[in-house]
């Protein structure tokens, strides 16, 4: 019996206004935990969180 298996990933990038350096190490972990909570509450999985002082980049996938 044929079947199709699909795995969707979302590549999300956002930055601060005017690329202002507002994401300091003191708040970076708290920001990642906050975003992780939002993703988990939507039945998804935060796969690769990463960022700089002015941006956040991540891959998000469906929770198996």
C-alpha atoms as a PDB file:
ATOM      1  CA  UNK A   1       0.000   0.000   0.000  1.00  0.00           C
ATOM      2  CA  UNK A   2       1.601   3.328  -1.051  1.00  0.00           C
ATOM      3  CA  UNK A   3       1.981   6.108   1.459  1.00  0.00           C
ATOM      4  CA  UNK A   4       3.302   9.644   1.591  1.00  0.00           C
ATOM      5  CA  UNK A   5       5.332  11.000   4.463  1.00  0.00           C
ATOM      6  CA  UNK A   6       5.780  14.743   4.808  1.00  0.00           C
ATOM      7  CA  UNK A   7       7.988  16.602   7.260  1.00  0.00           C
ATOM      8  CA  UNK A   8       7.523  20.367   7.231  1.00  0.00           C
ATOM      9  CA  UNK A   9      10.183  22.704   8.579  1.00  0.00           C
ATOM     10  CA  UNK A  10       9.892  26.458   8.967  1.00  0.00           C
ATOM     11  CA  UNK A  11      12.962  28.679   8.790  1.00  0.00           C
ATOM     12  CA  UNK A  12      12.175  31.772  10.858  1.00  0.00           C
ATOM     13  CA  UNK A  13      14.300  34.906  10.970  1.00  0.00           C
ATOM     14  CA  UNK A  14      13.478  38.154  12.714  1.00  0.00           C
ATOM     15  CA  UNK A  15      15.511  41.119  13.850  1.00  0.00           C
ATOM     16  CA  UNK A  16      15.258  44.149  16.078  1.00  0.00           C
ATOM     17  CA  UNK A  17      14.156  47.489  14.642  1.00  0.00           C
ATOM     18  CA  UNK A  18      16.986  49.151  12.710  1.00  0.00           C
ATOM     19  CA  UNK A  19      19.176  46.189  13.677  1.00  0.00           C
ATOM     20  CA  UNK A  20      19.736  47.713  17.108  1.00  0.00           C
ATOM     21  CA  UNK A  21      21.914  45.509  19.313  1.00  0.00           C
ATOM     22  CA  UNK A  22      19.265  44.753  21.951  1.00  0.00           C
ATOM     23  CA  UNK A  23      19.635  40.990  22.432  1.00  0.00           C
ATOM     24  CA  UNK A  24      22.382  40.873  25.046  1.00  0.00           C
ATOM     25  CA  UNK A  25      23.694  37.627  26.587  1.00  0.00           C
ATOM     26  CA  UNK A  26      21.789  38.444  29.790  1.00  0.00           C
ATOM     27  CA  UNK A  27      18.424  38.262  27.980  1.00  0.00           C
ATOM     28  CA  UNK A  28      19.290  35.822  25.181  1.00  0.00           C
ATOM     29  CA  UNK A  29      18.553  32.658  27.189  1.00  0.00           C
ATOM     30  CA  UNK A  30      15.296  34.115  28.492  1.00  0.00           C
ATOM     31  CA  UNK A  31      14.265  35.036  24.925  1.00  0.00           C
ATOM     32  CA  UNK A  32      15.091  31.533  23.655  1.00  0.00           C
ATOM     33  CA  UNK A  33      13.072  29.959  26.504  1.00  0.00           C
ATOM     34  CA  UNK A  34      10.130  32.265  25.732  1.00  0.00           C
ATOM     35  CA  UNK A  35      10.169  31.377  22.030  1.00  0.00           C
ATOM     36  CA  UNK A  36      10.608  27.688  22.897  1.00  0.00           C
ATOM     37  CA  UNK A  37       7.474  27.863  25.056  1.00  0.00           C
ATOM     38  CA  UNK A  38       5.449  29.435  22.247  1.00  0.00           C
ATOM     39  CA  UNK A  39       6.614  26.773  19.800  1.00  0.00           C
ATOM     40  CA  UNK A  40       5.900  23.907  22.231  1.00  0.00           C
ATOM     41  CA  UNK A  41       2.399  25.270  22.964  1.00  0.00           C
ATOM     42  CA  UNK A  42       1.696  25.018  19.237  1.00  0.00           C
ATOM     43  CA  UNK A  43       2.638  21.310  19.098  1.00  0.00           C
ATOM     44  CA  UNK A  44       5.917  21.977  17.328  1.00  0.00           C
ATOM     45  CA  UNK A  45       9.586  21.583  18.115  1.00  0.00           C
ATOM     46  CA  UNK A  46      12.320  24.233  18.168  1.00  0.00           C
ATOM     47  CA  UNK A  47      15.125  22.461  16.333  1.00  0.00           C
ATOM     48  CA  UNK A  48      17.943  24.988  15.906  1.00  0.00           C
ATOM     49  CA  UNK A  49      17.730  28.224  17.897  1.00  0.00           C
ATOM     50  CA  UNK A  50      20.483  30.701  17.101  1.00  0.00           C
ATOM     51  CA  UNK A  51      20.932  34.430  17.148  1.00  0.00           C
ATOM     52  CA  UNK A  52      23.056  37.538  17.304  1.00  0.00           C
ATOM     53  CA  UNK A  53      22.779  40.812  19.175  1.00  0.00           C
ATOM     54  CA  UNK A  54      20.112  41.939  16.688  1.00  0.00           C
ATOM     55  CA  UNK A  55      18.506  38.827  15.166  1.00  0.00           C
ATOM     56  CA  UNK A  56      17.026  35.416  15.914  1.00  0.00           C
ATOM     57  CA  UNK A  57      17.218  32.497  13.483  1.00  0.00           C
ATOM     58  CA  UNK A  58      15.636  29.100  14.014  1.00  0.00           C
ATOM     59  CA  UNK A  59      14.250  25.998  12.405  1.00  0.00           C
ATOM     60  CA  UNK A  60      10.890  24.799  13.664  1.00  0.00           C
ATOM     61  CA  UNK A  61       9.335  21.438  12.845  1.00  0.00           C
ATOM     62  CA  UNK A  62       6.225  19.473  13.654  1.00  0.00           C
ATOM     63  CA  UNK A  63       6.360  17.531  16.900  1.00  0.00           C
ATOM     64  CA  UNK A  64       6.374  13.773  16.232  1.00  0.00           C
END
